[in-house]
Amino acid sequence: MPKRVLEGVVVSDKMDKTIVVKVERRVQHPIYKKFIRRSKKYHAHDETNAFKGKVGENVRIRECRPLSKTKSWEVLVAAAKA
Protein backbone atom coordinates (compact mmCIF):
# COMPACT_ATOMS: atom_id res chain seq x y z
CA MET A 1 0.00 0.00 0.00
CA PRO A 2 1.52 3.37 -0.97
CA LYS A 3 2.34 5.88 1.70
CA ARG A 4 0.55 9.23 1.74
CA VAL A 5 2.55 12.31 0.79
CA LEU A 6 1.44 15.77 1.91
CA GLU A 7 2.77 19.25 1.19
CA GLY A 8 2.81 22.03 3.77
CA VAL A 9 4.68 24.89 5.42
CA VAL A 10 7.17 24.60 8.30
CA VAL A 11 5.75 26.45 11.31
CA SER A 12 8.19 25.33 14.04
CA ASP A 13 11.69 23.88 14.21
CA LYS A 14 12.39 24.26 17.94
CA MET A 15 12.63 20.52 18.65
CA ASP A 16 15.62 18.29 17.92
CA LYS A 17 15.10 16.14 14.80
CA THR A 18 11.45 17.22 14.55
CA ILE A 19 9.63 19.95 12.65
CA VAL A 20 5.98 20.97 12.74
CA VAL A 21 4.34 21.24 9.31
CA LYS A 22 0.98 22.94 8.68
CA VAL A 23 -0.96 21.35 5.83
CA GLU A 24 -3.90 23.26 4.36
CA ARG A 25 -6.70 21.80 2.29
CA ARG A 26 -9.75 23.35 0.63
CA VAL A 27 -13.18 21.88 1.32
CA GLN A 28 -16.60 22.92 0.16
CA HIS A 29 -19.01 24.16 2.83
CA PRO A 30 -21.97 21.75 2.98
CA ILE A 31 -24.67 24.44 3.01
CA TYR A 32 -23.16 27.57 1.45
CA LYS A 33 -21.15 25.70 -1.22
CA LYS A 34 -18.25 28.09 -0.76
CA PHE A 35 -14.69 26.76 -0.52
CA ILE A 36 -13.08 27.20 2.89
CA ARG A 37 -9.58 26.39 4.11
CA ARG A 38 -8.98 23.74 6.75
CA SER A 39 -5.52 23.20 8.24
CA LYS A 40 -3.86 20.61 10.42
CA LYS A 41 -0.39 20.45 11.98
CA TYR A 42 1.78 17.36 11.73
CA HIS A 43 5.01 16.53 13.57
CA ALA A 44 7.56 15.24 11.05
CA HIS A 45 10.88 13.50 11.63
CA ASP A 46 13.93 15.40 10.33
CA GLU A 47 16.90 13.11 11.02
CA THR A 48 19.68 15.52 9.96
CA ASN A 49 18.05 18.74 11.23
CA ALA A 50 18.16 19.98 7.63
CA PHE A 51 15.23 22.34 8.23
CA LYS A 52 16.59 24.20 11.27
CA GLY A 53 16.00 27.91 10.68
CA LYS A 54 13.70 27.21 7.72
CA VAL A 55 10.37 28.35 9.18
CA GLY A 56 8.03 29.33 6.35
CA GLU A 57 9.58 26.99 3.79
CA ASN A 58 7.41 24.54 1.81
CA VAL A 59 8.18 20.87 2.46
CA ARG A 60 6.81 17.46 1.52
CA ILE A 61 6.21 14.87 4.23
CA ARG A 62 5.54 11.14 3.94
CA GLU A 63 3.69 8.77 6.22
CA CYS A 64 5.90 6.36 8.19
CA ARG A 65 5.73 4.09 11.22
CA PRO A 66 5.06 5.81 14.57
CA LEU A 67 8.32 7.23 15.90
CA SER A 68 6.82 8.75 19.05
CA LYS A 69 3.43 9.58 20.54
CA THR A 70 2.79 12.44 18.10
CA LYS A 71 5.26 11.76 15.28
CA SER A 72 4.39 9.41 12.41
CA TRP A 73 5.55 11.45 9.39
CA GLU A 74 9.01 11.99 7.89
CA VAL A 75 10.39 14.85 5.80
CA LEU A 76 11.06 14.01 2.16
CA VAL A 77 12.43 17.15 0.48
CA ALA A 78 11.75 20.83 0.22
CA ALA A 79 8.83 21.40 -2.15
CA ALA A 80 9.14 23.76 -5.09
CA LYS A 81 7.25 27.03 -4.74
CA ALA A 82 4.22 27.05 -7.00
PDB file of N, CA and C in Angstrom:
ATOM      1  N   MET A   1       0.840  -1.179   0.000  1.00  0.00           N
ATOM      2  CA  MET A   1       0.000   0.000   0.000  1.00  0.00           C
ATOM      3  C   MET A   1       0.885   1.242   0.000  1.00  0.00           C
ATOM      4  N   PRO A   2       0.660   2.189  -0.911  1.00  0.00           N
ATOM      5  CA  PRO A   2       1.519   3.365  -0.975  1.00  0.00           C
ATOM      6  C   PRO A   2       1.323   4.277   0.229  1.00  0.00           C
ATOM      7  N   LYS A   3       2.389   4.967   0.569  1.00  0.00           N
ATOM      8  CA  LYS A   3       2.336   5.883   1.701  1.00  0.00           C
ATOM      9  C   LYS A   3       1.845   7.243   1.241  1.00  0.00           C
ATOM     10  N   ARG A   4       1.072   7.904   2.082  1.00  0.00           N
ATOM     11  CA  ARG A   4       0.551   9.226   1.736  1.00  0.00           C
ATOM     12  C   ARG A   4       1.662  10.259   1.760  1.00  0.00           C
ATOM     13  N   VAL A   5       1.601  11.204   0.844  1.00  0.00           N
ATOM     14  CA  VAL A   5       2.553  12.314   0.787  1.00  0.00           C
ATOM     15  C   VAL A   5       1.749  13.598   0.832  1.00  0.00           C
ATOM     16  N   LEU A   6       2.120  14.494   1.767  1.00  0.00           N
ATOM     17  CA  LEU A   6       1.437  15.771   1.910  1.00  0.00           C
ATOM     18  C   LEU A   6       2.438  16.907   1.730  1.00  0.00           C
ATOM     19  N   GLU A   7       1.927  18.073   1.374  1.00  0.00           N
ATOM     20  CA  GLU A   7       2.773  19.248   1.193  1.00  0.00           C
ATOM     21  C   GLU A   7       2.269  20.337   2.121  1.00  0.00           C
ATOM     22  N   GLY A   8       3.199  20.996   2.824  1.00  0.00           N
ATOM     23  CA  GLY A   8       2.808  22.034   3.767  1.00  0.00           C
ATOM     24  C   GLY A   8       3.940  22.993   4.051  1.00  0.00           C
ATOM     25  N   VAL A   9       3.738  23.840   5.062  1.00  0.00           N
ATOM     26  CA  VAL A   9       4.680  24.892   5.421  1.00  0.00           C
ATOM     27  C   VAL A   9       5.232  24.611   6.819  1.00  0.00           C
ATOM     28  N   VAL A  10       6.541  24.774   6.991  1.00  0.00           N
ATOM     29  CA  VAL A  10       7.170  24.595   8.297  1.00  0.00           C
ATOM     30  C   VAL A  10       6.743  25.745   9.206  1.00  0.00           C
ATOM     31  N   VAL A  11       6.167  25.408  10.373  1.00  0.00           N
ATOM     32  CA  VAL A  11       5.754  26.452  11.314  1.00  0.00           C
ATOM     33  C   VAL A  11       6.605  26.459  12.578  1.00  0.00           C
ATOM     34  N   SER A  12       7.327  25.368  12.858  1.00  0.00           N
ATOM     35  CA  SER A  12       8.186  25.332  14.037  1.00  0.00           C
ATOM     36  C   SER A  12       9.341  24.358  13.800  1.00  0.00           C
ATOM     37  N   ASP A  13      10.518  24.756  14.297  1.00  0.00           N
ATOM     38  CA  ASP A  13      11.691  23.876  14.212  1.00  0.00           C
ATOM     39  C   ASP A  13      12.453  23.880  15.539  1.00  0.00           C
ATOM     40  N   LYS A  14      11.754  24.122  16.630  1.00  0.00           N
ATOM     41  CA  LYS A  14      12.386  24.259  17.939  1.00  0.00           C
ATOM     42  C   LYS A  14      12.886  22.930  18.511  1.00  0.00           C
ATOM     43  N   MET A  15      12.264  21.813  18.098  1.00  0.00           N
ATOM     44  CA  MET A  15      12.632  20.516  18.653  1.00  0.00           C
ATOM     45  C   MET A  15      13.815  19.906  17.896  1.00  0.00           C
ATOM     46  N   ASP A  16      14.509  18.982  18.549  1.00  0.00           N
ATOM     47  CA  ASP A  16      15.624  18.292  17.921  1.00  0.00           C
ATOM     48  C   ASP A  16      15.088  17.169  17.042  1.00  0.00           C
ATOM     49  N   LYS A  17      15.489  17.156  15.780  1.00  0.00           N
ATOM     50  CA  LYS A  17      15.103  16.138  14.796  1.00  0.00           C
ATOM     51  C   LYS A  17      13.600  16.100  14.514  1.00  0.00           C
ATOM     52  N   THR A  18      12.885  17.167  14.795  1.00  0.00           N
ATOM     53  CA  THR A  18      11.450  17.223  14.547  1.00  0.00           C
ATOM     54  C   THR A  18      11.072  18.615  14.072  1.00  0.00           C
ATOM     55  N   ILE A  19      10.199  18.669  13.076  1.00  0.00           N
ATOM     56  CA  ILE A  19       9.629  19.946  12.653  1.00  0.00           C
ATOM     57  C   ILE A  19       8.109  19.815  12.671  1.00  0.00           C
ATOM     58  N   VAL A  20       7.436  20.955  12.781  1.00  0.00           N
ATOM     59  CA  VAL A  20       5.981  20.971  12.736  1.00  0.00           C
ATOM     60  C   VAL A  20       5.579  21.572  11.397  1.00  0.00           C
ATOM     61  N   VAL A  21       4.740  20.838  10.658  1.00  0.00           N
ATOM     62  CA  VAL A  21       4.336  21.242   9.313  1.00  0.00           C
ATOM     63  C   VAL A  21       2.826  21.480   9.308  1.00  0.00           C
ATOM     64  N   LYS A  22       2.410  22.637   8.798  1.00  0.00           N
ATOM     65  CA  LYS A  22       0.980  22.941   8.683  1.00  0.00           C
ATOM     66  C   LYS A  22       0.546  22.643   7.257  1.00  0.00           C
ATOM     67  N   VAL A  23      -0.446  21.745   7.127  1.00  0.00           N
ATOM     68  CA  VAL A  23      -0.963  21.346   5.826  1.00  0.00           C
ATOM     69  C   VAL A  23      -2.368  21.918   5.686  1.00  0.00           C
ATOM     70  N   GLU A  24      -2.588  22.675   4.608  1.00  0.00           N
ATOM     71  CA  GLU A  24      -3.899  23.264   4.355  1.00  0.00           C
ATOM     72  C   GLU A  24      -4.593  22.518   3.229  1.00  0.00           C
ATOM     73  N   ARG A  25      -5.913  22.392   3.351  1.00  0.00           N
ATOM     74  CA  ARG A  25      -6.702  21.800   2.291  1.00  0.00           C
ATOM     75  C   ARG A  25      -7.955  22.639   2.113  1.00  0.00           C
ATOM     76  N   ARG A  26      -8.535  22.592   0.920  1.00  0.00           N
ATOM     77  CA  ARG A  26      -9.748  23.349   0.632  1.00  0.00           C
ATOM     78  C   ARG A  26     -10.918  22.387   0.571  1.00  0.00           C
ATOM     79  N   VAL A  27     -11.969  22.704   1.325  1.00  0.00           N
ATOM     80  CA  VAL A  27     -13.177  21.879   1.323  1.00  0.00           C
ATOM     81  C   VAL A  27     -14.376  22.772   1.044  1.00  0.00           C
ATOM     82  N   GLN A  28     -15.395  22.167   0.477  1.00  0.00           N
ATOM     83  CA  GLN A  28     -16.598  22.923   0.160  1.00  0.00           C
ATOM     84  C   GLN A  28     -17.548  22.902   1.357  1.00  0.00           C
ATOM     85  N   HIS A  29     -18.068  24.073   1.723  1.00  0.00           N
ATOM     86  CA  HIS A  29     -19.011  24.163   2.830  1.00  0.00           C
ATOM     87  C   HIS A  29     -20.291  23.411   2.443  1.00  0.00           C
ATOM     88  N   PRO A  30     -20.827  22.584   3.352  1.00  0.00           N
ATOM     89  CA  PRO A  30     -21.967  21.748   2.983  1.00  0.00           C
ATOM     90  C   PRO A  30     -23.250  22.520   2.656  1.00  0.00           C
ATOM     91  N   ILE A  31     -23.442  23.676   3.258  1.00  0.00           N
ATOM     92  CA  ILE A  31     -24.671  24.440   3.007  1.00  0.00           C
ATOM     93  C   ILE A  31     -24.438  25.569   2.016  1.00  0.00           C
ATOM     94  N   TYR A  32     -23.386  26.371   2.266  1.00  0.00           N
ATOM     95  CA  TYR A  32     -23.164  27.570   1.454  1.00  0.00           C
ATOM     96  C   TYR A  32     -22.408  27.308   0.155  1.00  0.00           C
ATOM     97  N   LYS A  33     -21.859  26.115   0.000  1.00  0.00           N
ATOM     98  CA  LYS A  33     -21.150  25.703  -1.218  1.00  0.00           C
ATOM     99  C   LYS A  33     -19.948  26.581  -1.553  1.00  0.00           C
ATOM    100  N   LYS A  34     -19.423  27.252  -0.558  1.00  0.00           N
ATOM    101  CA  LYS A  34     -18.251  28.088  -0.761  1.00  0.00           C
ATOM    102  C   LYS A  34     -17.032  27.296  -0.269  1.00  0.00           C
ATOM    103  N   PHE A  35     -15.892  27.478  -0.924  1.00  0.00           N
ATOM    104  CA  PHE A  35     -14.692  26.759  -0.519  1.00  0.00           C
ATOM    105  C   PHE A  35     -14.049  27.456   0.670  1.00  0.00           C
ATOM    106  N   ILE A  36     -13.734  26.672   1.705  1.00  0.00           N
ATOM    107  CA  ILE A  36     -13.083  27.195   2.892  1.00  0.00           C
ATOM    108  C   ILE A  36     -11.802  26.410   3.139  1.00  0.00           C
ATOM    109  N   ARG A  37     -10.853  27.034   3.843  1.00  0.00           N
ATOM    110  CA  ARG A  37      -9.578  26.388   4.110  1.00  0.00           C
ATOM    111  C   ARG A  37      -9.591  25.712   5.472  1.00  0.00           C
ATOM    112  N   ARG A  38      -9.147  24.485   5.506  1.00  0.00           N
ATOM    113  CA  ARG A  38      -8.977  23.741   6.752  1.00  0.00           C
ATOM    114  C   ARG A  38      -7.500  23.398   6.865  1.00  0.00           C
ATOM    115  N   SER A  39      -6.937  23.503   8.066  1.00  0.00           N
ATOM    116  CA  SER A  39      -5.521  23.196   8.236  1.00  0.00           C
ATOM    117  C   SER A  39      -5.325  22.255   9.414  1.00  0.00           C
ATOM    118  N   LYS A  40      -4.221  21.536   9.357  1.00  0.00           N
ATOM    119  CA  LYS A  40      -3.857  20.615  10.417  1.00  0.00           C
ATOM    120  C   LYS A  40      -2.343  20.613  10.538  1.00  0.00           C
ATOM    121  N   LYS A  41      -1.838  20.475  11.759  1.00  0.00           N
ATOM    122  CA  LYS A  41      -0.395  20.448  11.984  1.00  0.00           C
ATOM    123  C   LYS A  41       0.069  19.016  12.211  1.00  0.00           C
ATOM    124  N   TYR A  42       1.188  18.680  11.594  1.00  0.00           N
ATOM    125  CA  TYR A  42       1.782  17.355  11.733  1.00  0.00           C
ATOM    126  C   TYR A  42       3.205  17.494  12.246  1.00  0.00           C
ATOM    127  N   HIS A  43       3.613  16.608  13.157  1.00  0.00           N
ATOM    128  CA  HIS A  43       5.011  16.528  13.573  1.00  0.00           C
ATOM    129  C   HIS A  43       5.724  15.590  12.610  1.00  0.00           C
ATOM    130  N   ALA A  44       6.832  16.038  12.040  1.00  0.00           N
ATOM    131  CA  ALA A  44       7.560  15.240  11.055  1.00  0.00           C
ATOM    132  C   ALA A  44       9.002  15.042  11.501  1.00  0.00           C
ATOM    133  N   HIS A  45       9.520  13.857  11.249  1.00  0.00           N
ATOM    134  CA  HIS A  45      10.885  13.498  11.634  1.00  0.00           C
ATOM    135  C   HIS A  45      11.884  14.070  10.630  1.00  0.00           C
ATOM    136  N   ASP A  46      12.883  14.784  11.157  1.00  0.00           N
ATOM    137  CA  ASP A  46      13.926  15.404  10.333  1.00  0.00           C
ATOM    138  C   ASP A  46      15.270  14.943  10.890  1.00  0.00           C
ATOM    139  N   GLU A  47      15.729  13.782  10.433  1.00  0.00           N
ATOM    140  CA  GLU A  47      16.901  13.112  11.015  1.00  0.00           C
ATOM    141  C   GLU A  47      18.142  13.989  11.070  1.00  0.00           C
ATOM    142  N   THR A  48      18.423  14.744  10.021  1.00  0.00           N
ATOM    143  CA  THR A  48      19.676  15.519   9.960  1.00  0.00           C
ATOM    144  C   THR A  48      19.509  16.976  10.364  1.00  0.00           C
ATOM    145  N   ASN A  49      18.345  17.335  10.886  1.00  0.00           N
ATOM    146  CA  ASN A  49      18.051  18.737  11.229  1.00  0.00           C
ATOM    147  C   ASN A  49      18.287  19.665  10.041  1.00  0.00           C
ATOM    148  N   ALA A  50      17.932  19.201   8.849  1.00  0.00           N
ATOM    149  CA  ALA A  50      18.160  19.981   7.631  1.00  0.00           C
ATOM    150  C   ALA A  50      17.261  21.204   7.556  1.00  0.00           C
ATOM    151  N   PHE A  51      16.180  21.221   8.314  1.00  0.00           N
ATOM    152  CA  PHE A  51      15.231  22.335   8.228  1.00  0.00           C
ATOM    153  C   PHE A  51      15.281  23.244   9.450  1.00  0.00           C
ATOM    154  N   LYS A  52      16.402  23.242  10.177  1.00  0.00           N
ATOM    155  CA  LYS A  52      16.594  24.197  11.269  1.00  0.00           C
ATOM    156  C   LYS A  52      16.709  25.591  10.665  1.00  0.00           C
ATOM    157  N   GLY A  53      15.960  26.535  11.193  1.00  0.00           N
ATOM    158  CA  GLY A  53      16.000  27.906  10.680  1.00  0.00           C
ATOM    159  C   GLY A  53      15.269  28.081   9.365  1.00  0.00           C
ATOM    160  N   LYS A  54      14.404  27.137   9.001  1.00  0.00           N
ATOM    161  CA  LYS A  54      13.700  27.210   7.719  1.00  0.00           C
ATOM    162  C   LYS A  54      12.197  27.391   7.912  1.00  0.00           C
ATOM    163  N   VAL A  55      11.800  28.107   8.948  1.00  0.00           N
ATOM    164  CA  VAL A  55      10.366  28.349   9.185  1.00  0.00           C
ATOM    165  C   VAL A  55       9.799  29.126   8.005  1.00  0.00           C
ATOM    166  N   GLY A  56       8.660  28.690   7.497  1.00  0.00           N
ATOM    167  CA  GLY A  56       8.035  29.334   6.352  1.00  0.00           C
ATOM    168  C   GLY A  56       8.341  28.660   5.028  1.00  0.00           C
ATOM    169  N   GLU A  57       9.221  27.681   5.027  1.00  0.00           N
ATOM    170  CA  GLU A  57       9.584  26.987   3.790  1.00  0.00           C
ATOM    171  C   GLU A  57       8.588  25.858   3.495  1.00  0.00           C
ATOM    172  N   ASN A  58       8.294  25.635   2.219  1.00  0.00           N
ATOM    173  CA  ASN A  58       7.406  24.545   1.811  1.00  0.00           C
ATOM    174  C   ASN A  58       8.175  23.228   1.827  1.00  0.00           C
ATOM    175  N   VAL A  59       7.554  22.190   2.405  1.00  0.00           N
ATOM    176  CA  VAL A  59       8.183  20.869   2.461  1.00  0.00           C
ATOM    177  C   VAL A  59       7.154  19.800   2.114  1.00  0.00           C
ATOM    178  N   ARG A  60       7.660  18.631   1.749  1.00  0.00           N
ATOM    179  CA  ARG A  60       6.805  17.459   1.519  1.00  0.00           C
ATOM    180  C   ARG A  60       7.102  16.459   2.628  1.00  0.00           C
ATOM    181  N   ILE A  61       6.047  15.875   3.187  1.00  0.00           N
ATOM    182  CA  ILE A  61       6.210  14.875   4.234  1.00  0.00           C
ATOM    183  C   ILE A  61       5.530  13.583   3.800  1.00  0.00           C
ATOM    184  N   ARG A  62       6.053  12.459   4.303  1.00  0.00           N
ATOM    185  CA  ARG A  62       5.535  11.144   3.937  1.00  0.00           C
ATOM    186  C   ARG A  62       5.190  10.365   5.207  1.00  0.00           C
ATOM    187  N   GLU A  63       4.137   9.599   5.113  1.00  0.00           N
ATOM    188  CA  GLU A  63       3.691   8.765   6.218  1.00  0.00           C
ATOM    189  C   GLU A  63       4.758   7.711   6.528  1.00  0.00           C
ATOM    190  N   CYS A  64       4.952   7.412   7.805  1.00  0.00           N
ATOM    191  CA  CYS A  64       5.900   6.358   8.194  1.00  0.00           C
ATOM    192  C   CYS A  64       5.382   5.688   9.468  1.00  0.00           C
ATOM    193  N   ARG A  65       6.131   4.760   9.987  1.00  0.00           N
ATOM    194  CA  ARG A  65       5.734   4.088  11.219  1.00  0.00           C
ATOM    195  C   ARG A  65       5.767   5.095  12.373  1.00  0.00           C
ATOM    196  N   PRO A  66       5.026   4.875  13.442  1.00  0.00           N
ATOM    197  CA  PRO A  66       5.055   5.810  14.568  1.00  0.00           C
ATOM    198  C   PRO A  66       6.448   5.854  15.209  1.00  0.00           C
ATOM    199  N   LEU A  67       6.998   7.049  15.309  1.00  0.00           N
ATOM    200  CA  LEU A  67       8.319   7.227  15.903  1.00  0.00           C
ATOM    201  C   LEU A  67       8.218   7.724  17.338  1.00  0.00           C
ATOM    202  N   SER A  68       7.095   8.316  17.687  1.00  0.00           N
ATOM    203  CA  SER A  68       6.824   8.748  19.050  1.00  0.00           C
ATOM    204  C   SER A  68       5.321   8.880  19.201  1.00  0.00           C
ATOM    205  N   LYS A  69       4.870   9.445  20.312  1.00  0.00           N
ATOM    206  CA  LYS A  69       3.430   9.579  20.545  1.00  0.00           C
ATOM    207  C   LYS A  69       2.751  10.439  19.487  1.00  0.00           C
ATOM    208  N   THR A  70       3.410  11.510  19.056  1.00  0.00           N
ATOM    209  CA  THR A  70       2.790  12.441  18.101  1.00  0.00           C
ATOM    210  C   THR A  70       3.403  12.396  16.711  1.00  0.00           C
ATOM    211  N   LYS A  71       4.499  11.681  16.538  1.00  0.00           N
ATOM    212  CA  LYS A  71       5.261  11.764  15.283  1.00  0.00           C
ATOM    213  C   LYS A  71       5.157  10.486  14.466  1.00  0.00           C
ATOM    214  N   SER A  72       4.466  10.569  13.314  1.00  0.00           N
ATOM    215  CA  SER A  72       4.388   9.413  12.408  1.00  0.00           C
ATOM    216  C   SER A  72       4.516   9.861  10.957  1.00  0.00           C
ATOM    217  N   TRP A  73       5.259  10.933  10.735  1.00  0.00           N
ATOM    218  CA  TRP A  73       5.553  11.449   9.392  1.00  0.00           C
ATOM    219  C   TRP A  73       7.046  11.729   9.314  1.00  0.00           C
ATOM    220  N   GLU A  74       7.595  11.666   8.088  1.00  0.00           N
ATOM    221  CA  GLU A  74       9.008  11.988   7.886  1.00  0.00           C
ATOM    222  C   GLU A  74       9.138  12.985   6.748  1.00  0.00           C
ATOM    223  N   VAL A  75      10.171  13.816   6.827  1.00  0.00           N
ATOM    224  CA  VAL A  75      10.394  14.847   5.804  1.00  0.00           C
ATOM    225  C   VAL A  75      11.018  14.193   4.581  1.00  0.00           C
ATOM    226  N   LEU A  76      10.470  14.500   3.397  1.00  0.00           N
ATOM    227  CA  LEU A  76      11.065  14.009   2.155  1.00  0.00           C
ATOM    228  C   LEU A  76      12.074  15.034   1.640  1.00  0.00           C
ATOM    229  N   VAL A  77      11.574  16.092   1.049  1.00  0.00           N
ATOM    230  CA  VAL A  77      12.433  17.146   0.478  1.00  0.00           C
ATOM    231  C   VAL A  77      11.687  18.464   0.568  1.00  0.00           C
ATOM    232  N   ALA A  78      12.406  19.535   0.310  1.00  0.00           N
ATOM    233  CA  ALA A  78      11.753  20.834   0.223  1.00  0.00           C
ATOM    234  C   ALA A  78      10.933  20.857  -1.063  1.00  0.00           C
ATOM    235  N   ALA A  79       9.711  21.330  -0.981  1.00  0.00           N
ATOM    236  CA  ALA A  79       8.831  21.396  -2.153  1.00  0.00           C
ATOM    237  C   ALA A  79       9.108  22.671  -2.933  1.00  0.00           C
ATOM    238  N   ALA A  80       8.949  22.584  -4.227  1.00  0.00           N
ATOM    239  CA  ALA A  80       9.138  23.762  -5.091  1.00  0.00           C
ATOM    240  C   ALA A  80       7.985  24.733  -4.890  1.00  0.00           C
ATOM    241  N   LYS A  81       8.298  26.012  -4.870  1.00  0.00           N
ATOM    242  CA  LYS A  81       7.251  27.029  -4.743  1.00  0.00           C
ATOM    243  C   LYS A  81       6.407  27.049  -6.009  1.00  0.00           C
ATOM    244  N   ALA A  82       5.095  27.060  -5.826  1.00  0.00           N
ATOM    245  CA  ALA A  82       4.220  27.054  -6.997  1.00  0.00           C
ATOM    246  C   ALA A  82       3.845  28.452  -7.405  1.00  0.00           C
TER     247      ALA A  82
END
